[in-house]
Amino acid sequence: MNLYPLIATLLWLIDNLLWLYEIIVIAAVVMSWLVAFGVVNQYNQFARSVIRFLYAATDPVFRQIRRIIPTIGGWDLSPIIVLLVIQVIRMLMYGYLGMYMR
């Protein structure tokens, strides 16, 4: 039985979820900058709901990384590390898919 279509579909789904999480991480970083510089009004209901969503979606992962690597000189490296880990996972998935095709 050939499992390639099932594995390819599953890897496609995981890849798209990882891509979506990358976008959420980047949006969280940009939003934190906008809030820090006073560009976004935190008292606006829509902005507050977006900030809450981004915080809820990214902070559990960021917190785990911050436990291992704390902020360095005021720089929070956790978003960069999350994006790098996502890229490594995607590369491993593509490598596995390429190996499976042989």
PDB file of N, CA and C in Angstrom:
ATOM      1  N   MET A   1       0.837  -1.174   0.000  1.00  0.00           N
ATOM      2  CA  MET A   1       0.000   0.000   0.000  1.00  0.00           C
ATOM      3  C   MET A   1       0.888   1.245   0.000  1.00  0.00           C
ATOM      4  N   ASN A   2       0.590   2.179  -0.883  1.00  0.00           N
ATOM      5  CA  ASN A   2       1.376   3.390  -1.020  1.00  0.00           C
ATOM      6  C   ASN A   2       0.823   4.472  -0.094  1.00  0.00           C
ATOM      7  N   LEU A   3       1.619   4.858   0.886  1.00  0.00           N
ATOM      8  CA  LEU A   3       1.199   5.869   1.844  1.00  0.00           C
ATOM      9  C   LEU A   3       1.657   7.273   1.477  1.00  0.00           C
ATOM     10  N   TYR A   4       2.312   7.419   0.320  1.00  0.00           N
ATOM     11  CA  TYR A   4       2.847   8.726  -0.052  1.00  0.00           C
ATOM     12  C   TYR A   4       1.780   9.819  -0.093  1.00  0.00           C
ATOM     13  N   PRO A   5       0.610   9.606  -0.725  1.00  0.00           N
ATOM     14  CA  PRO A   5      -0.381  10.696  -0.749  1.00  0.00           C
ATOM     15  C   PRO A   5      -0.831  11.122   0.654  1.00  0.00           C
ATOM     16  N   LEU A   6      -1.000  10.172   1.549  1.00  0.00           N
ATOM     17  CA  LEU A   6      -1.406  10.490   2.908  1.00  0.00           C
ATOM     18  C   LEU A   6      -0.323  11.279   3.635  1.00  0.00           C
ATOM     19  N   ILE A   7       0.915  10.838   3.518  1.00  0.00           N
ATOM     20  CA  ILE A   7       2.024  11.526   4.180  1.00  0.00           C
ATOM     21  C   ILE A   7       2.226  12.908   3.581  1.00  0.00           C
ATOM     22  N   ALA A   8       2.146  13.012   2.259  1.00  0.00           N
ATOM     23  CA  ALA A   8       2.308  14.308   1.603  1.00  0.00           C
ATOM     24  C   ALA A   8       1.219  15.274   2.031  1.00  0.00           C
ATOM     25  N   THR A   9       0.001  14.803   2.143  1.00  0.00           N
ATOM     26  CA  THR A   9      -1.104  15.661   2.575  1.00  0.00           C
ATOM     27  C   THR A   9      -0.924  16.092   4.020  1.00  0.00           C
ATOM     28  N   LEU A  10      -0.516  15.176   4.872  1.00  0.00           N
ATOM     29  CA  LEU A  10      -0.286  15.501   6.271  1.00  0.00           C
ATOM     30  C   LEU A  10       0.845  16.516   6.419  1.00  0.00           C
ATOM     31  N   LEU A  11       1.924  16.328   5.677  1.00  0.00           N
ATOM     32  CA  LEU A  11       3.038  17.272   5.735  1.00  0.00           C
ATOM     33  C   LEU A  11       2.635  18.631   5.167  1.00  0.00           C
ATOM     34  N   TRP A  12       1.788  18.630   4.144  1.00  0.00           N
ATOM     35  CA  TRP A  12       1.279  19.895   3.589  1.00  0.00           C
ATOM     36  C   TRP A  12       0.479  20.648   4.649  1.00  0.00           C
ATOM     37  N   LEU A  13      -0.368  19.930   5.377  1.00  0.00           N
ATOM     38  CA  LEU A  13      -1.174  20.548   6.424  1.00  0.00           C
ATOM     39  C   LEU A  13      -0.290  21.111   7.534  1.00  0.00           C
ATOM     40  N   ILE A  14       0.681  20.344   7.982  1.00  0.00           N
ATOM     41  CA  ILE A  14       1.596  20.800   9.027  1.00  0.00           C
ATOM     42  C   ILE A  14       2.390  22.003   8.545  1.00  0.00           C
ATOM     43  N   ASP A  15       2.838  21.968   7.302  1.00  0.00           N
ATOM     44  CA  ASP A  15       3.587  23.081   6.735  1.00  0.00           C
ATOM     45  C   ASP A  15       2.754  24.363   6.718  1.00  0.00           C
ATOM     46  N   ASN A  16       1.497  24.249   6.337  1.00  0.00           N
ATOM     47  CA  ASN A  16       0.636  25.433   6.311  1.00  0.00           C
ATOM     48  C   ASN A  16       0.332  25.954   7.711  1.00  0.00           C
ATOM     49  N   LEU A  17       0.186  25.065   8.679  1.00  0.00           N
ATOM     50  CA  LEU A  17      -0.014  25.508  10.062  1.00  0.00           C
ATOM     51  C   LEU A  17       1.237  26.208  10.600  1.00  0.00           C
ATOM     52  N   LEU A  18       2.401  25.687  10.253  1.00  0.00           N
ATOM     53  CA  LEU A  18       3.644  26.337  10.662  1.00  0.00           C
ATOM     54  C   LEU A  18       3.782  27.707  10.005  1.00  0.00           C
ATOM     55  N   TRP A  19       3.408  27.808   8.737  1.00  0.00           N
ATOM     56  CA  TRP A  19       3.448  29.092   8.033  1.00  0.00           C
ATOM     57  C   TRP A  19       2.507  30.092   8.711  1.00  0.00           C
ATOM     58  N   LEU A  20       1.318  29.642   9.066  1.00  0.00           N
ATOM     59  CA  LEU A  20       0.364  30.512   9.747  1.00  0.00           C
ATOM     60  C   LEU A  20       0.916  30.977  11.093  1.00  0.00           C
ATOM     61  N   TYR A  21       1.575  30.082  11.817  1.00  0.00           N
ATOM     62  CA  TYR A  21       2.148  30.470  13.110  1.00  0.00           C
ATOM     63  C   TYR A  21       3.305  31.457  12.915  1.00  0.00           C
ATOM     64  N   GLU A  22       4.064  31.304  11.832  1.00  0.00           N
ATOM     65  CA  GLU A  22       5.104  32.291  11.519  1.00  0.00           C
ATOM     66  C   GLU A  22       4.499  33.678  11.359  1.00  0.00           C
ATOM     67  N   ILE A  23       3.399  33.763  10.636  1.00  0.00           N
ATOM     68  CA  ILE A  23       2.721  35.043  10.429  1.00  0.00           C
ATOM     69  C   ILE A  23       2.250  35.605  11.767  1.00  0.00           C
ATOM     70  N   ILE A  24       1.721  34.757  12.626  1.00  0.00           N
ATOM     71  CA  ILE A  24       1.251  35.209  13.943  1.00  0.00           C
ATOM     72  C   ILE A  24       2.421  35.715  14.785  1.00  0.00           C
ATOM     73  N   VAL A  25       3.555  35.029  14.747  1.00  0.00           N
ATOM     74  CA  VAL A  25       4.734  35.469  15.502  1.00  0.00           C
ATOM     75  C   VAL A  25       5.208  36.825  14.998  1.00  0.00           C
ATOM     76  N   ILE A  26       5.286  36.988  13.678  1.00  0.00           N
ATOM     77  CA  ILE A  26       5.723  38.264  13.111  1.00  0.00           C
ATOM     78  C   ILE A  26       4.732  39.373  13.471  1.00  0.00           C
ATOM     79  N   ALA A  27       3.439  39.076  13.408  1.00  0.00           N
ATOM     80  CA  ALA A  27       2.429  40.074  13.778  1.00  0.00           C
ATOM     81  C   ALA A  27       2.541  40.447  15.250  1.00  0.00           C
ATOM     82  N   ALA A  28       2.849  39.483  16.103  1.00  0.00           N
ATOM     83  CA  ALA A  28       3.005  39.771  17.534  1.00  0.00           C
ATOM     84  C   ALA A  28       4.202  40.680  17.785  1.00  0.00           C
ATOM     85  N   VAL A  29       5.282  40.437  17.071  1.00  0.00           N
ATOM     86  CA  VAL A  29       6.468  41.278  17.228  1.00  0.00           C
ATOM     87  C   VAL A  29       6.173  42.702  16.755  1.00  0.00           C
ATOM     88  N   VAL A  30       5.563  42.827  15.588  1.00  0.00           N
ATOM     89  CA  VAL A  30       5.239  44.153  15.059  1.00  0.00           C
ATOM     90  C   VAL A  30       4.262  44.869  15.992  1.00  0.00           C
ATOM     91  N   MET A  31       3.265  44.158  16.483  1.00  0.00           N
ATOM     92  CA  MET A  31       2.292  44.776  17.379  1.00  0.00           C
ATOM     93  C   MET A  31       2.953  45.232  18.680  1.00  0.00           C
ATOM     94  N   SER A  32       3.888  44.438  19.194  1.00  0.00           N
ATOM     95  CA  SER A  32       4.568  44.852  20.428  1.00  0.00           C
ATOM     96  C   SER A  32       5.380  46.126  20.197  1.00  0.00           C
ATOM     97  N   TRP A  33       5.983  46.254  19.012  1.00  0.00           N
ATOM     98  CA  TRP A  33       6.704  47.482  18.690  1.00  0.00           C
ATOM     99  C   TRP A  33       5.745  48.663  18.581  1.00  0.00           C
ATOM    100  N   LEU A  34       4.619  48.445  17.915  1.00  0.00           N
ATOM    101  CA  LEU A  34       3.646  49.522  17.757  1.00  0.00           C
ATOM    102  C   LEU A  34       3.087  49.978  19.103  1.00  0.00           C
ATOM    103  N   VAL A  35       2.876  49.045  19.999  1.00  0.00           N
ATOM    104  CA  VAL A  35       2.396  49.398  21.336  1.00  0.00           C
ATOM    105  C   VAL A  35       3.494  50.129  22.104  1.00  0.00           C
ATOM    106  N   ALA A  36       4.724  49.652  22.010  1.00  0.00           N
ATOM    107  CA  ALA A  36       5.836  50.262  22.741  1.00  0.00           C
ATOM    108  C   ALA A  36       6.086  51.699  22.298  1.00  0.00           C
ATOM    109  N   PHE A  37       5.895  51.983  21.012  1.00  0.00           N
ATOM    110  CA  PHE A  37       6.132  53.331  20.500  1.00  0.00           C
ATOM    111  C   PHE A  37       4.880  54.201  20.516  1.00  0.00           C
ATOM    112  N   GLY A  38       3.788  53.673  21.057  1.00  0.00           N
ATOM    113  CA  GLY A  38       2.577  54.462  21.191  1.00  0.00           C
ATOM    114  C   GLY A  38       1.809  54.688  19.908  1.00  0.00           C
ATOM    115  N   VAL A  39       2.058  53.876  18.905  1.00  0.00           N
ATOM    116  CA  VAL A  39       1.349  54.020  17.641  1.00  0.00           C
ATOM    117  C   VAL A  39      -0.054  53.430  17.739  1.00  0.00           C
ATOM    118  N   VAL A  40      -0.192  52.336  18.459  1.00  0.00           N
ATOM    119  CA  VAL A  40      -1.477  51.665  18.611  1.00  0.00           C
ATOM    120  C   VAL A  40      -2.091  52.070  19.952  1.00  0.00           C
ATOM    121  N   ASN A  41      -3.338  52.473  19.909  1.00  0.00           N
ATOM    122  CA  ASN A  41      -4.071  52.835  21.113  1.00  0.00           C
ATOM    123  C   ASN A  41      -4.591  51.550  21.760  1.00  0.00           C
ATOM    124  N   GLN A  42      -4.041  51.202  22.909  1.00  0.00           N
ATOM    125  CA  GLN A  42      -4.433  49.968  23.596  1.00  0.00           C
ATOM    126  C   GLN A  42      -5.843  50.035  24.157  1.00  0.00           C
ATOM    127  N   TYR A  43      -6.419  51.223  24.236  1.00  0.00           N
ATOM    128  CA  TYR A  43      -7.765  51.368  24.776  1.00  0.00           C
ATOM    129  C   TYR A  43      -8.843  51.162  23.720  1.00  0.00           C
ATOM    130  N   ASN A  44      -8.427  51.062  22.458  1.00  0.00           N
ATOM    131  CA  ASN A  44      -9.357  50.727  21.383  1.00  0.00           C
ATOM    132  C   ASN A  44      -9.737  49.257  21.534  1.00  0.00           C
ATOM    133  N   GLN A  45     -11.027  48.979  21.469  1.00  0.00           N
ATOM    134  CA  GLN A  45     -11.501  47.608  21.715  1.00  0.00           C
ATOM    135  C   GLN A  45     -10.956  46.622  20.683  1.00  0.00           C
ATOM    136  N   PHE A  46     -10.949  47.000  19.408  1.00  0.00           N
ATOM    137  CA  PHE A  46     -10.444  46.101  18.368  1.00  0.00           C
ATOM    138  C   PHE A  46      -8.949  45.843  18.559  1.00  0.00           C
ATOM    139  N   ALA A  47      -8.183  46.907  18.797  1.00  0.00           N
ATOM    140  CA  ALA A  47      -6.740  46.752  18.995  1.00  0.00           C
ATOM    141  C   ALA A  47      -6.462  45.883  20.214  1.00  0.00           C
ATOM    142  N   ARG A  48      -7.240  46.086  21.279  1.00  0.00           N
ATOM    143  CA  ARG A  48      -7.045  45.291  22.487  1.00  0.00           C
ATOM    144  C   ARG A  48      -7.325  43.815  22.231  1.00  0.00           C
ATOM    145  N   SER A  49      -8.355  43.522  21.435  1.00  0.00           N
ATOM    146  CA  SER A  49      -8.659  42.117  21.142  1.00  0.00           C
ATOM    147  C   SER A  49      -7.578  41.485  20.267  1.00  0.00           C
ATOM    148  N   VAL A  50      -7.031  42.247  19.326  1.00  0.00           N
ATOM    149  CA  VAL A  50      -5.932  41.722  18.498  1.00  0.00           C
ATOM    150  C   VAL A  50      -4.701  41.466  19.362  1.00  0.00           C
ATOM    151  N   ILE A  51      -4.400  42.406  20.252  1.00  0.00           N
ATOM    152  CA  ILE A  51      -3.241  42.238  21.140  1.00  0.00           C
ATOM    153  C   ILE A  51      -3.421  41.026  22.035  1.00  0.00           C
ATOM    154  N   ARG A  52      -4.604  40.842  22.577  1.00  0.00           N
ATOM    155  CA  ARG A  52      -4.873  39.666  23.419  1.00  0.00           C
ATOM    156  C   ARG A  52      -4.717  38.368  22.648  1.00  0.00           C
ATOM    157  N   PHE A  53      -5.251  38.336  21.410  1.00  0.00           N
ATOM    158  CA  PHE A  53      -5.127  37.123  20.603  1.00  0.00           C
ATOM    159  C   PHE A  53      -3.656  36.806  20.331  1.00  0.00           C
ATOM    160  N   LEU A  54      -2.900  37.814  19.895  1.00  0.00           N
ATOM    161  CA  LEU A  54      -1.488  37.583  19.579  1.00  0.00           C
ATOM    162  C   LEU A  54      -0.716  37.150  20.817  1.00  0.00           C
ATOM    163  N   TYR A  55      -1.024  37.755  21.949  1.00  0.00           N
ATOM    164  CA  TYR A  55      -0.358  37.382  23.199  1.00  0.00           C
ATOM    165  C   TYR A  55      -0.701  35.942  23.582  1.00  0.00           C
ATOM    166  N   ALA A  56      -1.984  35.595  23.484  1.00  0.00           N
ATOM    167  CA  ALA A  56      -2.410  34.239  23.856  1.00  0.00           C
ATOM    168  C   ALA A  56      -1.826  33.195  22.917  1.00  0.00           C
ATOM    169  N   ALA A  57      -1.636  33.545  21.660  1.00  0.00           N
ATOM    170  CA  ALA A  57      -1.132  32.581  20.677  1.00  0.00           C
ATOM    171  C   ALA A  57       0.377  32.408  20.748  1.00  0.00           C
ATOM    172  N   THR A  58       1.099  33.436  21.200  1.00  0.00           N
ATOM    173  CA  THR A  58       2.555  33.350  21.162  1.00  0.00           C
ATOM    174  C   THR A  58       3.222  33.250  22.531  1.00  0.00           C
ATOM    175  N   ASP A  59       2.622  33.821  23.550  1.00  0.00           N
ATOM    176  CA  ASP A  59       3.300  33.877  24.838  1.00  0.00           C
ATOM    177  C   ASP A  59       3.610  32.516  25.460  1.00  0.00           C
ATOM    178  N   PRO A  60       2.741  31.511  25.361  1.00  0.00           N
ATOM    179  CA  PRO A  60       3.137  30.207  25.937  1.00  0.00           C
ATOM    180  C   PRO A  60       4.428  29.648  25.329  1.00  0.00           C
ATOM    181  N   VAL A  61       4.599  29.825  24.043  1.00  0.00           N
ATOM    182  CA  VAL A  61       5.824  29.333  23.390  1.00  0.00           C
ATOM    183  C   VAL A  61       6.999  30.224  23.758  1.00  0.00           C
ATOM    184  N   PHE A  62       6.790  31.540  23.702  1.00  0.00           N
ATOM    185  CA  PHE A  62       7.867  32.467  24.062  1.00  0.00           C
ATOM    186  C   PHE A  62       8.327  32.253  25.500  1.00  0.00           C
ATOM    187  N   ARG A  63       7.382  32.018  26.396  1.00  0.00           N
ATOM    188  CA  ARG A  63       7.715  31.830  27.810  1.00  0.00           C
ATOM    189  C   ARG A  63       8.626  30.615  28.001  1.00  0.00           C
ATOM    190  N   GLN A  64       8.362  29.538  27.268  1.00  0.00           N
ATOM    191  CA  GLN A  64       9.209  28.344  27.382  1.00  0.00           C
ATOM    192  C   GLN A  64      10.632  28.637  26.926  1.00  0.00           C
ATOM    193  N   ILE A  65      10.761  29.428  25.885  1.00  0.00           N
ATOM    194  CA  ILE A  65      12.102  29.772  25.382  1.00  0.00           C
ATOM    195  C   ILE A  65      12.789  30.741  26.334  1.00  0.00           C
ATOM    196  N   ARG A  66      12.038  31.682  26.889  1.00  0.00           N
ATOM    197  CA  ARG A  66      12.624  32.640  27.836  1.00  0.00           C
ATOM    198  C   ARG A  66      13.136  31.955  29.098  1.00  0.00           C
ATOM    199  N   ARG A  67      12.561  30.818  29.449  1.00  0.00           N
ATOM    200  CA  ARG A  67      13.072  30.074  30.600  1.00  0.00           C
ATOM    201  C   ARG A  67      14.487  29.577  30.343  1.00  0.00           C
ATOM    202  N   ILE A  68      14.774  29.243  29.093  1.00  0.00           N
ATOM    203  CA  ILE A  68      16.097  28.722  28.727  1.00  0.00           C
ATOM    204  C   ILE A  68      17.055  29.863  28.385  1.00  0.00           C
ATOM    205  N   ILE A  69      16.578  30.809  27.555  1.00  0.00           N
ATOM    206  CA  ILE A  69      17.407  31.925  27.110  1.00  0.00           C
ATOM    207  C   ILE A  69      16.717  33.218  27.542  1.00  0.00           C
ATOM    208  N   PRO A  70      17.183  33.854  28.598  1.00  0.00           N
ATOM    209  CA  PRO A  70      16.543  35.101  29.041  1.00  0.00           C
ATOM    210  C   PRO A  70      16.843  36.248  28.079  1.00  0.00           C
ATOM    211  N   THR A  71      16.179  37.363  28.290  1.00  0.00           N
ATOM    212  CA  THR A  71      16.443  38.531  27.452  1.00  0.00           C
ATOM    213  C   THR A  71      17.887  38.972  27.648  1.00  0.00           C
ATOM    214  N   ILE A  72      18.495  39.401  26.571  1.00  0.00           N
ATOM    215  CA  ILE A  72      19.903  39.798  26.604  1.00  0.00           C
ATOM    216  C   ILE A  72      19.976  41.280  26.278  1.00  0.00           C
ATOM    217  N   GLY A  73      20.342  42.073  27.245  1.00  0.00           N
ATOM    218  CA  GLY A  73      20.469  43.507  27.038  1.00  0.00           C
ATOM    219  C   GLY A  73      19.165  44.165  26.611  1.00  0.00           C
ATOM    220  N   GLY A  74      18.049  43.662  27.117  1.00  0.00           N
ATOM    221  CA  GLY A  74      16.753  44.220  26.741  1.00  0.00           C
ATOM    222  C   GLY A  74      16.176  43.643  25.462  1.00  0.00           C
ATOM    223  N   TRP A  75      16.894  42.759  24.823  1.00  0.00           N
ATOM    224  CA  TRP A  75      16.432  42.141  23.579  1.00  0.00           C
ATOM    225  C   TRP A  75      15.827  40.770  23.884  1.00  0.00           C
ATOM    226  N   ASP A  76      14.599  40.590  23.444  1.00  0.00           N
ATOM    227  CA  ASP A  76      13.924  39.304  23.613  1.00  0.00           C
ATOM    228  C   ASP A  76      14.177  38.481  22.350  1.00  0.00           C
ATOM    229  N   LEU A  77      14.938  37.421  22.483  1.00  0.00           N
ATOM    230  CA  LEU A  77      15.312  36.607  21.331  1.00  0.00           C
ATOM    231  C   LEU A  77      14.324  35.484  21.044  1.00  0.00           C
ATOM    232  N   SER A  78      13.312  35.335  21.884  1.00  0.00           N
ATOM    233  CA  SER A  78      12.399  34.203  21.722  1.00  0.00           C
ATOM    234  C   SER A  78      11.667  34.190  20.372  1.00  0.00           C
ATOM    235  N   PRO A  79      11.208  35.319  19.812  1.00  0.00           N
ATOM    236  CA  PRO A  79      10.569  35.221  18.485  1.00  0.00           C
ATOM    237  C   PRO A  79      11.524  34.739  17.400  1.00  0.00           C
ATOM    238  N   ILE A  80      12.775  35.179  17.475  1.00  0.00           N
ATOM    239  CA  ILE A  80      13.761  34.755  16.472  1.00  0.00           C
ATOM    240  C   ILE A  80      14.003  33.258  16.590  1.00  0.00           C
ATOM    241  N   ILE A  81      14.113  32.774  17.812  1.00  0.00           N
ATOM    242  CA  ILE A  81      14.354  31.348  18.022  1.00  0.00           C
ATOM    243  C   ILE A  81      13.150  30.535  17.545  1.00  0.00           C
ATOM    244  N   VAL A  82      11.944  31.017  17.819  1.00  0.00           N
ATOM    245  CA  VAL A  82      10.737  30.315  17.349  1.00  0.00           C
ATOM    246  C   VAL A  82      10.731  30.234  15.824  1.00  0.00           C
ATOM    247  N   LEU A  83      11.050  31.337  15.160  1.00  0.00           N
ATOM    248  CA  LEU A  83      11.070  31.326  13.698  1.00  0.00           C
ATOM    249  C   LEU A  83      12.155  30.390  13.155  1.00  0.00           C
ATOM    250  N   LEU A  84      13.301  30.353  13.810  1.00  0.00           N
ATOM    251  CA  LEU A  84      14.361  29.435  13.384  1.00  0.00           C
ATOM    252  C   LEU A  84      13.946  27.975  13.577  1.00  0.00           C
ATOM    253  N   VAL A  85      13.323  27.673  14.698  1.00  0.00           N
ATOM    254  CA  VAL A  85      12.875  26.297  14.954  1.00  0.00           C
ATOM    255  C   VAL A  85      11.818  25.884  13.922  1.00  0.00           C
ATOM    256  N   ILE A  86      10.927  26.792  13.589  1.00  0.00           N
ATOM    257  CA  ILE A  86       9.921  26.480  12.568  1.00  0.00           C
ATOM    258  C   ILE A  86      10.592  26.175  11.235  1.00  0.00           C
ATOM    259  N   GLN A  87      11.596  26.954  10.879  1.00  0.00           N
ATOM    260  CA  GLN A  87      12.299  26.711   9.617  1.00  0.00           C
ATOM    261  C   GLN A  87      13.023  25.365   9.638  1.00  0.00           C
ATOM    262  N   VAL A  88      13.609  25.004  10.766  1.00  0.00           N
ATOM    263  CA  VAL A  88      14.288  23.707  10.873  1.00  0.00           C
ATOM    264  C   VAL A  88      13.275  22.574  10.722  1.00  0.00           C
ATOM    265  N   ILE A  89      12.131  22.707  11.371  1.00  0.00           N
ATOM    266  CA  ILE A  89      11.090  21.676  11.252  1.00  0.00           C
ATOM    267  C   ILE A  89      10.638  21.542   9.806  1.00  0.00           C
ATOM    268  N   ARG A  90      10.447  22.666   9.130  1.00  0.00           N
ATOM    269  CA  ARG A  90      10.013  22.619   7.729  1.00  0.00           C
ATOM    270  C   ARG A  90      11.074  21.966   6.842  1.00  0.00           C
ATOM    271  N   MET A  91      12.345  22.286   7.092  1.00  0.00           N
ATOM    272  CA  MET A  91      13.413  21.671   6.301  1.00  0.00           C
ATOM    273  C   MET A  91      13.457  20.166   6.533  1.00  0.00           C
ATOM    274  N   LEU A  92      13.283  19.739   7.782  1.00  0.00           N
ATOM    275  CA  LEU A  92      13.269  18.306   8.080  1.00  0.00           C
ATOM    276  C   LEU A  92      12.082  17.622   7.410  1.00  0.00           C
ATOM    277  N   MET A  93      10.948  18.294   7.377  1.00  0.00           N
ATOM    278  CA  MET A  93       9.766  17.720   6.719  1.00  0.00           C
ATOM    279  C   MET A  93      10.008  17.554   5.228  1.00  0.00           C
ATOM    280  N   TYR A  94      10.572  18.577   4.603  1.00  0.00           N
ATOM    281  CA  TYR A  94      10.839  18.479   3.171  1.00  0.00           C
ATOM    282  C   TYR A  94      11.888  17.419   2.879  1.00  0.00           C
ATOM    283  N   GLY A  95      12.886  17.291   3.762  1.00  0.00           N
ATOM    284  CA  GLY A  95      13.879  16.245   3.598  1.00  0.00           C
ATOM    285  C   GLY A  95      13.279  14.871   3.730  1.00  0.00           C
ATOM    286  N   TYR A  96      12.367  14.708   4.678  1.00  0.00           N
ATOM    287  CA  TYR A  96      11.683  13.426   4.859  1.00  0.00           C
ATOM    288  C   TYR A  96      10.823  13.107   3.659  1.00  0.00           C
ATOM    289  N   LEU A  97      10.124  14.112   3.157  1.00  0.00           N
ATOM    290  CA  LEU A  97       9.263  13.899   1.998  1.00  0.00           C
ATOM    291  C   LEU A  97      10.092  13.523   0.784  1.00  0.00           C
ATOM    292  N   GLY A  98      11.247  14.179   0.614  1.00  0.00           N
ATOM    293  CA  GLY A  98      12.137  13.841  -0.496  1.00  0.00           C
ATOM    294  C   GLY A  98      12.698  12.443  -0.359  1.00  0.00           C
ATOM    295  N   MET A  99      13.028  12.037   0.866  1.00  0.00           N
ATOM    296  CA  MET A  99      13.536  10.699   1.100  1.00  0.00           C
ATOM    297  C   MET A  99      12.453   9.644   0.844  1.00  0.00           C
ATOM    298  N   TYR A 100      11.230   9.984   1.195  1.00  0.00           N
ATOM    299  CA  TYR A 100      10.128   9.056   1.022  1.00  0.00           C
ATOM    300  C   TYR A 100       9.789   8.835  -0.442  1.00  0.00           C
ATOM    301  N   MET A 101      10.081   9.823  -1.281  1.00  0.00           N
ATOM    302  CA  MET A 101       9.752   9.723  -2.702  1.00  0.00           C
ATOM    303  C   MET A 101      10.710   8.778  -3.426  1.00  0.00           C
ATOM    304  N   ARG A 102      11.881   8.528  -2.877  1.00  0.00           N
ATOM    305  CA  ARG A 102      12.861   7.684  -3.559  1.00  0.00           C
ATOM    306  C   ARG A 102      12.427   6.262  -3.657  1.00  0.00           C
TER     307      ARG A 102
END
